[in-house]
Amino acid sequence: ASLALQLLSGAAPAVAAKPTLPPPMRPPAAFIKPAA
């Protein structure tokens, strides 16, 4: 749906940002999955 809306409005699809590795020893709380 997000890409469909971009095409419909004539906007260019967003370019995905280059992923970055997480810093070492990240606190465990940062890895808690968001609610579904």
Full PDB file with SEQRES, HELIX, SHEET, SSBOND, CRYST1, ORIGX, SCALE, CONECT and MASTER records, all heavy atoms in Angstrom:
SEQRES   1 A   36  ALA SER LEU ALA LEU GLN LEU LEU SER GLY ALA ALA PRO          
SEQRES   2 A   36  ALA VAL ALA ALA LYS PRO THR LEU PRO PRO PRO MET ARG          
SEQRES   3 A   36  PRO PRO ALA ALA PHE ILE LYS PRO ALA ALA                      
HELIX    1 AA1 SER A    2  SER A    9  1                                   8    
HELIX    2 AA2 PRO A   28  PHE A   31  5                                   4    
CRYST1    1.000    1.000    1.000  90.00  90.00  90.00 P 1           1          
ORIGX1      1.000000  0.000000  0.000000        0.00000                         
ORIGX2      0.000000  1.000000  0.000000        0.00000                         
ORIGX3      0.000000  0.000000  1.000000        0.00000                         
SCALE1      1.000000  0.000000  0.000000        0.00000                         
SCALE2      0.000000  1.000000  0.000000        0.00000                         
SCALE3      0.000000  0.000000  1.000000        0.00000                         
ATOM      1  N   ALA A   1       0.817  -1.215   0.000  1.00  0.00           N  
ATOM      2  CA  ALA A   1       0.000   0.000   0.000  1.00  0.00           C  
ATOM      3  C   ALA A   1       0.846   1.257   0.000  1.00  0.00           C  
ATOM      4  O   ALA A   1       0.523   2.248  -0.658  1.00  0.00           O  
ATOM      5  CB  ALA A   1      -0.933  -0.014   1.206  1.00  0.00           C  
ATOM      6  N   SER A   2       1.966   1.260   0.768  1.00  0.00           N  
ATOM      7  CA  SER A   2       2.788   2.464   0.831  1.00  0.00           C  
ATOM      8  C   SER A   2       3.391   2.793  -0.532  1.00  0.00           C  
ATOM      9  O   SER A   2       3.423   3.952  -0.949  1.00  0.00           O  
ATOM     10  CB  SER A   2       3.893   2.285   1.876  1.00  0.00           C  
ATOM     11  OG  SER A   2       4.689   1.144   1.563  1.00  0.00           O  
ATOM     12  N   LEU A   3       3.871   1.755  -1.249  1.00  0.00           N  
ATOM     13  CA  LEU A   3       4.435   1.981  -2.582  1.00  0.00           C  
ATOM     14  C   LEU A   3       3.341   2.373  -3.568  1.00  0.00           C  
ATOM     15  O   LEU A   3       3.551   3.228  -4.434  1.00  0.00           O  
ATOM     16  CB  LEU A   3       5.159   0.731  -3.054  1.00  0.00           C  
ATOM     17  CG  LEU A   3       5.826   0.820  -4.441  1.00  0.00           C  
ATOM     18  CD1 LEU A   3       6.801   1.988  -4.483  1.00  0.00           C  
ATOM     19  CD2 LEU A   3       6.534  -0.481  -4.771  1.00  0.00           C  
ATOM     20  N   ALA A   4       2.155   1.781  -3.427  1.00  0.00           N  
ATOM     21  CA  ALA A   4       1.044   2.132  -4.316  1.00  0.00           C  
ATOM     22  C   ALA A   4       0.696   3.590  -4.182  1.00  0.00           C  
ATOM     23  O   ALA A   4       0.440   4.281  -5.172  1.00  0.00           O  
ATOM     24  CB  ALA A   4      -0.169   1.262  -3.994  1.00  0.00           C  
ATOM     25  N   LEU A   5       0.679   4.108  -2.973  1.00  0.00           N  
ATOM     26  CA  LEU A   5       0.343   5.513  -2.762  1.00  0.00           C  
ATOM     27  C   LEU A   5       1.405   6.415  -3.368  1.00  0.00           C  
ATOM     28  O   LEU A   5       1.100   7.448  -3.957  1.00  0.00           O  
ATOM     29  CB  LEU A   5       0.196   5.797  -1.258  1.00  0.00           C  
ATOM     30  CG  LEU A   5      -0.320   7.185  -0.906  1.00  0.00           C  
ATOM     31  CD1 LEU A   5      -1.732   7.363  -1.446  1.00  0.00           C  
ATOM     32  CD2 LEU A   5      -0.291   7.408   0.590  1.00  0.00           C  
ATOM     33  N   GLN A   6       2.683   6.011  -3.260  1.00  0.00           N  
ATOM     34  CA  GLN A   6       3.737   6.808  -3.879  1.00  0.00           C  
ATOM     35  C   GLN A   6       3.582   6.864  -5.397  1.00  0.00           C  
ATOM     36  O   GLN A   6       3.722   7.919  -6.020  1.00  0.00           O  
ATOM     37  CB  GLN A   6       5.105   6.224  -3.521  1.00  0.00           C  
ATOM     38  CG  GLN A   6       5.491   6.418  -2.051  1.00  0.00           C  
ATOM     39  CD  GLN A   6       6.777   5.703  -1.691  1.00  0.00           C  
ATOM     40  OE1 GLN A   6       7.122   4.706  -2.306  1.00  0.00           O  
ATOM     41  NE2 GLN A   6       7.482   6.217  -0.701  1.00  0.00           N  
ATOM     42  N   LEU A   7       3.280   5.704  -6.010  1.00  0.00           N  
ATOM     43  CA  LEU A   7       3.112   5.666  -7.460  1.00  0.00           C  
ATOM     44  C   LEU A   7       1.908   6.472  -7.890  1.00  0.00           C  
ATOM     45  O   LEU A   7       1.935   7.182  -8.891  1.00  0.00           O  
ATOM     46  CB  LEU A   7       2.981   4.219  -7.920  1.00  0.00           C  
ATOM     47  CG  LEU A   7       4.243   3.344  -7.753  1.00  0.00           C  
ATOM     48  CD1 LEU A   7       3.935   1.916  -8.172  1.00  0.00           C  
ATOM     49  CD2 LEU A   7       5.401   3.900  -8.537  1.00  0.00           C  
ATOM     50  N   LEU A   8       0.828   6.385  -7.130  1.00  0.00           N  
ATOM     51  CA  LEU A   8      -0.391   7.100  -7.478  1.00  0.00           C  
ATOM     52  C   LEU A   8      -0.187   8.598  -7.420  1.00  0.00           C  
ATOM     53  O   LEU A   8      -0.721   9.348  -8.227  1.00  0.00           O  
ATOM     54  CB  LEU A   8      -1.512   6.681  -6.525  1.00  0.00           C  
ATOM     55  CG  LEU A   8      -2.907   7.201  -6.820  1.00  0.00           C  
ATOM     56  CD1 LEU A   8      -3.376   6.685  -8.176  1.00  0.00           C  
ATOM     57  CD2 LEU A   8      -3.867   6.757  -5.741  1.00  0.00           C  
ATOM     58  N   SER A   9       0.596   9.051  -6.456  1.00  0.00           N  
ATOM     59  CA  SER A   9       0.799  10.494  -6.291  1.00  0.00           C  
ATOM     60  C   SER A   9       1.928  11.025  -7.157  1.00  0.00           C  
ATOM     61  O   SER A   9       2.182  12.220  -7.178  1.00  0.00           O  
ATOM     62  CB  SER A   9       1.103  10.802  -4.815  1.00  0.00           C  
ATOM     63  OG  SER A   9       2.297  10.158  -4.410  1.00  0.00           O  
ATOM     64  N   GLY A  10       2.648  10.098  -7.843  1.00  0.00           N  
ATOM     65  CA  GLY A  10       3.751  10.541  -8.689  1.00  0.00           C  
ATOM     66  C   GLY A  10       5.055  10.705  -7.948  1.00  0.00           C  
ATOM     67  O   GLY A  10       6.053  11.137  -8.514  1.00  0.00           O  
ATOM     68  N   ALA A  11       5.062  10.375  -6.636  1.00  0.00           N  
ATOM     69  CA  ALA A  11       6.282  10.519  -5.869  1.00  0.00           C  
ATOM     70  C   ALA A  11       7.225   9.341  -6.137  1.00  0.00           C  
ATOM     71  O   ALA A  11       6.779   8.230  -6.377  1.00  0.00           O  
ATOM     72  CB  ALA A  11       5.960  10.588  -4.381  1.00  0.00           C  
ATOM     73  N   ALA A  12       8.496   9.605  -6.076  1.00  0.00           N  
ATOM     74  CA  ALA A  12       9.472   8.535  -6.259  1.00  0.00           C  
ATOM     75  C   ALA A  12       9.519   7.686  -5.000  1.00  0.00           C  
ATOM     76  O   ALA A  12       9.457   8.203  -3.887  1.00  0.00           O  
ATOM     77  CB  ALA A  12      10.847   9.132  -6.540  1.00  0.00           C  
ATOM     78  N   PRO A  13       9.630   6.340  -5.148  1.00  0.00           N  
ATOM     79  CA  PRO A  13       9.750   5.495  -3.970  1.00  0.00           C  
ATOM     80  C   PRO A  13      10.968   5.882  -3.142  1.00  0.00           C  
ATOM     81  O   PRO A  13      12.016   6.249  -3.677  1.00  0.00           O  
ATOM     82  CB  PRO A  13       9.897   4.082  -4.545  1.00  0.00           C  
ATOM     83  CG  PRO A  13       9.334   4.177  -5.930  1.00  0.00           C  
ATOM     84  CD  PRO A  13       9.626   5.569  -6.387  1.00  0.00           C  
ATOM     85  N   ALA A  14      10.823   5.846  -1.848  1.00  0.00           N  
ATOM     86  CA  ALA A  14      11.930   6.207  -0.969  1.00  0.00           C  
ATOM     87  C   ALA A  14      13.059   5.190  -1.100  1.00  0.00           C  
ATOM     88  O   ALA A  14      12.823   3.996  -1.250  1.00  0.00           O  
ATOM     89  CB  ALA A  14      11.438   6.266   0.473  1.00  0.00           C  
ATOM     90  N   VAL A  15      14.288   5.692  -1.057  1.00  0.00           N  
ATOM     91  CA  VAL A  15      15.456   4.820  -1.120  1.00  0.00           C  
ATOM     92  C   VAL A  15      15.774   4.362   0.287  1.00  0.00           C  
ATOM     93  O   VAL A  15      15.898   5.174   1.211  1.00  0.00           O  
ATOM     94  CB  VAL A  15      16.657   5.556  -1.731  1.00  0.00           C  
ATOM     95  CG1 VAL A  15      17.902   4.652  -1.726  1.00  0.00           C  
ATOM     96  CG2 VAL A  15      16.328   6.019  -3.128  1.00  0.00           C  
ATOM     97  N   ALA A  16      15.915   3.063   0.461  1.00  0.00           N  
ATOM     98  CA  ALA A  16      16.185   2.526   1.791  1.00  0.00           C  
ATOM     99  C   ALA A  16      17.550   2.998   2.277  1.00  0.00           C  
ATOM    100  O   ALA A  16      18.538   3.020   1.529  1.00  0.00           O  
ATOM    101  CB  ALA A  16      16.131   1.005   1.754  1.00  0.00           C  
ATOM    102  N   ALA A  17      17.621   3.400   3.537  1.00  0.00           N  
ATOM    103  CA  ALA A  17      18.887   3.834   4.109  1.00  0.00           C  
ATOM    104  C   ALA A  17      19.820   2.634   4.285  1.00  0.00           C  
ATOM    105  O   ALA A  17      19.374   1.511   4.521  1.00  0.00           O  
ATOM    106  CB  ALA A  17      18.645   4.509   5.450  1.00  0.00           C  
ATOM    107  N   LYS A  18      21.104   2.882   4.155  1.00  0.00           N  
ATOM    108  CA  LYS A  18      22.079   1.809   4.321  1.00  0.00           C  
ATOM    109  C   LYS A  18      22.045   1.327   5.757  1.00  0.00           C  
ATOM    110  O   LYS A  18      22.162   2.124   6.697  1.00  0.00           O  
ATOM    111  CB  LYS A  18      23.461   2.333   3.960  1.00  0.00           C  
ATOM    112  CG  LYS A  18      24.539   1.253   4.021  1.00  0.00           C  
ATOM    113  CD  LYS A  18      25.866   1.818   3.591  1.00  0.00           C  
ATOM    114  CE  LYS A  18      26.955   0.740   3.642  1.00  0.00           C  
ATOM    115  NZ  LYS A  18      28.264   1.285   3.216  1.00  0.00           N  
ATOM    116  N   PRO A  19      21.871   0.017   5.970  1.00  0.00           N  
ATOM    117  CA  PRO A  19      21.770  -0.468   7.338  1.00  0.00           C  
ATOM    118  C   PRO A  19      23.091  -0.309   8.078  1.00  0.00           C  
ATOM    119  O   PRO A  19      24.174  -0.333   7.493  1.00  0.00           O  
ATOM    120  CB  PRO A  19      21.398  -1.943   7.158  1.00  0.00           C  
ATOM    121  CG  PRO A  19      21.920  -2.303   5.812  1.00  0.00           C  
ATOM    122  CD  PRO A  19      21.782  -1.061   4.983  1.00  0.00           C  
ATOM    123  N   THR A  20      23.016  -0.106   9.358  1.00  0.00           N  
ATOM    124  CA  THR A  20      24.197  -0.009  10.206  1.00  0.00           C  
ATOM    125  C   THR A  20      24.149  -1.095  11.253  1.00  0.00           C  
ATOM    126  O   THR A  20      23.057  -1.475  11.714  1.00  0.00           O  
ATOM    127  CB  THR A  20      24.273   1.366  10.892  1.00  0.00           C  
ATOM    128  OG1 THR A  20      23.074   1.552  11.653  1.00  0.00           O  
ATOM    129  CG2 THR A  20      24.395   2.486   9.870  1.00  0.00           C  
ATOM    130  N   LEU A  21      25.327  -1.601  11.634  1.00  0.00           N  
ATOM    131  CA  LEU A  21      25.391  -2.648  12.636  1.00  0.00           C  
ATOM    132  C   LEU A  21      25.154  -2.064  14.019  1.00  0.00           C  
ATOM    133  O   LEU A  21      25.584  -0.950  14.324  1.00  0.00           O  
ATOM    134  CB  LEU A  21      26.771  -3.326  12.601  1.00  0.00           C  
ATOM    135  CG  LEU A  21      27.098  -4.103  11.325  1.00  0.00           C  
ATOM    136  CD1 LEU A  21      28.538  -4.602  11.372  1.00  0.00           C  
ATOM    137  CD2 LEU A  21      26.142  -5.266  11.159  1.00  0.00           C  
ATOM    138  N   PRO A  22      24.471  -2.802  14.863  1.00  0.00           N  
ATOM    139  CA  PRO A  22      24.261  -2.292  16.220  1.00  0.00           C  
ATOM    140  C   PRO A  22      25.570  -2.289  16.992  1.00  0.00           C  
ATOM    141  O   PRO A  22      26.466  -3.093  16.719  1.00  0.00           O  
ATOM    142  CB  PRO A  22      23.269  -3.301  16.804  1.00  0.00           C  
ATOM    143  CG  PRO A  22      23.492  -4.553  16.038  1.00  0.00           C  
ATOM    144  CD  PRO A  22      23.858  -4.115  14.657  1.00  0.00           C  
ATOM    145  N   PRO A  23      25.696  -1.381  17.916  1.00  0.00           N  
ATOM    146  CA  PRO A  23      26.923  -1.358  18.721  1.00  0.00           C  
ATOM    147  C   PRO A  23      27.002  -2.593  19.591  1.00  0.00           C  
ATOM    148  O   PRO A  23      25.990  -3.199  19.928  1.00  0.00           O  
ATOM    149  CB  PRO A  23      26.756  -0.087  19.564  1.00  0.00           C  
ATOM    150  CG  PRO A  23      25.281   0.116  19.640  1.00  0.00           C  
ATOM    151  CD  PRO A  23      24.750  -0.368  18.330  1.00  0.00           C  
ATOM    152  N   PRO A  24      28.207  -2.994  19.925  1.00  0.00           N  
ATOM    153  CA  PRO A  24      28.346  -4.179  20.783  1.00  0.00           C  
ATOM    154  C   PRO A  24      27.798  -3.923  22.176  1.00  0.00           C  
ATOM    155  O   PRO A  24      27.735  -2.787  22.646  1.00  0.00           O  
ATOM    156  CB  PRO A  24      29.869  -4.404  20.818  1.00  0.00           C  
ATOM    157  CG  PRO A  24      30.462  -3.064  20.527  1.00  0.00           C  
ATOM    158  CD  PRO A  24      29.509  -2.399  19.563  1.00  0.00           C  
ATOM    159  N   MET A  25      27.424  -5.002  22.822  1.00  0.00           N  
ATOM    160  CA  MET A  25      26.958  -4.969  24.205  1.00  0.00           C  
ATOM    161  C   MET A  25      25.755  -4.062  24.366  1.00  0.00           C  
ATOM    162  O   MET A  25      25.615  -3.311  25.325  1.00  0.00           O  
ATOM    163  CB  MET A  25      28.087  -4.529  25.148  1.00  0.00           C  
ATOM    164  CG  MET A  25      29.321  -5.411  25.109  1.00  0.00           C  
ATOM    165  SD  MET A  25      28.927  -7.122  25.571  1.00  0.00           S  
ATOM    166  CE  MET A  25      28.531  -6.884  27.292  1.00  0.00           C  
ATOM    167  N   ARG A  26      24.844  -4.039  23.341  1.00  0.00           N  
ATOM    168  CA  ARG A  26      23.626  -3.230  23.451  1.00  0.00           C  
ATOM    169  C   ARG A  26      22.806  -3.773  24.623  1.00  0.00           C  
ATOM    170  O   ARG A  26      22.657  -4.978  24.772  1.00  0.00           O  
ATOM    171  CB  ARG A  26      22.825  -3.317  22.152  1.00  0.00           C  
ATOM    172  CG  ARG A  26      21.593  -2.409  22.109  1.00  0.00           C  
ATOM    173  CD  ARG A  26      20.868  -2.604  20.783  1.00  0.00           C  
ATOM    174  NE  ARG A  26      21.679  -2.084  19.671  1.00  0.00           N  
ATOM    175  CZ  ARG A  26      21.486  -0.879  19.155  1.00  0.00           C  
ATOM    176  NH1 ARG A  26      20.555  -0.091  19.632  1.00  0.00           N  
ATOM    177  NH2 ARG A  26      22.234  -0.471  18.160  1.00  0.00           N  
ATOM    178  N   PRO A  27      22.216  -2.897  25.421  1.00  0.00           N  
ATOM    179  CA  PRO A  27      21.440  -3.375  26.566  1.00  0.00           C  
ATOM    180  C   PRO A  27      20.313  -4.283  26.103  1.00  0.00           C  
ATOM    181  O   PRO A  27      19.713  -4.085  25.045  1.00  0.00           O  
ATOM    182  CB  PRO A  27      20.886  -2.079  27.178  1.00  0.00           C  
ATOM    183  CG  PRO A  27      21.837  -1.029  26.737  1.00  0.00           C  
ATOM    184  CD  PRO A  27      22.306  -1.453  25.376  1.00  0.00           C  
ATOM    185  N   PRO A  28      20.007  -5.308  26.848  1.00  0.00           N  
ATOM    186  CA  PRO A  28      18.969  -6.260  26.445  1.00  0.00           C  
ATOM    187  C   PRO A  28      17.624  -5.605  26.149  1.00  0.00           C  
ATOM    188  O   PRO A  28      16.895  -6.069  25.285  1.00  0.00           O  
ATOM    189  CB  PRO A  28      18.877  -7.204  27.654  1.00  0.00           C  
ATOM    190  CG  PRO A  28      20.211  -7.092  28.326  1.00  0.00           C  
ATOM    191  CD  PRO A  28      20.663  -5.688  28.105  1.00  0.00           C  
ATOM    192  N   ALA A  29      17.279  -4.509  26.827  1.00  0.00           N  
ATOM    193  CA  ALA A  29      15.976  -3.878  26.610  1.00  0.00           C  
ATOM    194  C   ALA A  29      15.811  -3.426  25.172  1.00  0.00           C  
ATOM    195  O   ALA A  29      14.694  -3.342  24.644  1.00  0.00           O  
ATOM    196  CB  ALA A  29      15.803  -2.694  27.555  1.00  0.00           C  
ATOM    197  N   ALA A  30      16.902  -3.124  24.497  1.00  0.00           N  
ATOM    198  CA  ALA A  30      16.813  -2.652  23.116  1.00  0.00           C  
ATOM    199  C   ALA A  30      16.368  -3.749  22.170  1.00  0.00           C  
ATOM    200  O   ALA A  30      15.996  -3.475  21.039  1.00  0.00           O  
ATOM    201  CB  ALA A  30      18.159  -2.096  22.658  1.00  0.00           C  
ATOM    202  N   PHE A  31      16.457  -4.994  22.590  1.00  0.00           N  
ATOM    203  CA  PHE A  31      16.109  -6.102  21.713  1.00  0.00           C  
ATOM    204  C   PHE A  31      14.688  -6.628  21.972  1.00  0.00           C  
ATOM    205  O   PHE A  31      14.293  -7.620  21.405  1.00  0.00           O  
ATOM    206  CB  PHE A  31      17.117  -7.239  21.898  1.00  0.00           C  
ATOM    207  CG  PHE A  31      18.493  -6.884  21.426  1.00  0.00           C  
ATOM    208  CD1 PHE A  31      19.452  -6.463  22.334  1.00  0.00           C  
ATOM    209  CD2 PHE A  31      18.824  -6.934  20.089  1.00  0.00           C  
ATOM    210  CE1 PHE A  31      20.719  -6.126  21.908  1.00  0.00           C  
ATOM    211  CE2 PHE A  31      20.095  -6.600  19.662  1.00  0.00           C  
ATOM    212  CZ  PHE A  31      21.062  -6.186  20.564  1.00  0.00           C  
ATOM    213  N   ILE A  32      13.948  -5.946  22.834  1.00  0.00           N  
ATOM    214  CA  ILE A  32      12.578  -6.364  23.093  1.00  0.00           C  
ATOM    215  C   ILE A  32      11.738  -6.072  21.850  1.00  0.00           C  
ATOM    216  O   ILE A  32      11.729  -4.950  21.330  1.00  0.00           O  
ATOM    217  CB  ILE A  32      11.984  -5.631  24.308  1.00  0.00           C  
ATOM    218  CG1 ILE A  32      12.771  -6.030  25.563  1.00  0.00           C  
ATOM    219  CG2 ILE A  32      10.516  -5.944  24.477  1.00  0.00           C  
ATOM    220  CD1 ILE A  32      12.344  -5.274  26.803  1.00  0.00           C  
ATOM    221  N   LYS A  33      11.033  -7.065  21.354  1.00  0.00           N  
ATOM    222  CA  LYS A  33      10.224  -6.889  20.152  1.00  0.00           C  
ATOM    223  C   LYS A  33       9.011  -6.005  20.434  1.00  0.00           C  
ATOM    224  O   LYS A  33       8.388  -6.136  21.495  1.00  0.00           O  
ATOM    225  CB  LYS A  33       9.746  -8.244  19.632  1.00  0.00           C  
ATOM    226  CG  LYS A  33      10.855  -9.122  19.090  1.00  0.00           C  
ATOM    227  CD  LYS A  33      10.293 -10.420  18.547  1.00  0.00           C  
ATOM    228  CE  LYS A  33      11.407 -11.293  17.981  1.00  0.00           C  
ATOM    229  NZ  LYS A  33      10.859 -12.570  17.442  1.00  0.00           N  
ATOM    230  N   PRO A  34       8.686  -5.085  19.513  1.00  0.00           N  
ATOM    231  CA  PRO A  34       7.470  -4.288  19.719  1.00  0.00           C  
ATOM    232  C   PRO A  34       6.235  -5.165  19.652  1.00  0.00           C  
ATOM    233  O   PRO A  34       6.254  -6.254  19.079  1.00  0.00           O  
ATOM    234  CB  PRO A  34       7.505  -3.298  18.540  1.00  0.00           C  
ATOM    235  CG  PRO A  34       8.332  -3.985  17.502  1.00  0.00           C  
ATOM    236  CD  PRO A  34       9.355  -4.786  18.246  1.00  0.00           C  
ATOM    237  N   ALA A  35       5.171  -4.671  20.245  1.00  0.00           N  
ATOM    238  CA  ALA A  35       3.912  -5.419  20.240  1.00  0.00           C  
ATOM    239  C   ALA A  35       3.446  -5.632  18.810  1.00  0.00           C  
ATOM    240  O   ALA A  35       3.560  -4.749  17.947  1.00  0.00           O  
ATOM    241  CB  ALA A  35       2.858  -4.673  21.036  1.00  0.00           C  
ATOM    242  N   ALA A  36       2.925  -6.815  18.531  1.00  0.00           N  
ATOM    243  CA  ALA A  36       2.429  -7.119  17.194  1.00  0.00           C  
ATOM    244  C   ALA A  36       1.232  -6.238  16.878  1.00  0.00           C  
ATOM    245  O   ALA A  36       0.418  -5.944  17.759  1.00  0.00           O  
ATOM    246  CB  ALA A  36       2.034  -8.586  17.111  1.00  0.00           C  
TER     247      ALA A  36                                                      
MASTER        0    0    0    2    0    0    0    6  246    1    0    3          
END                                                                             
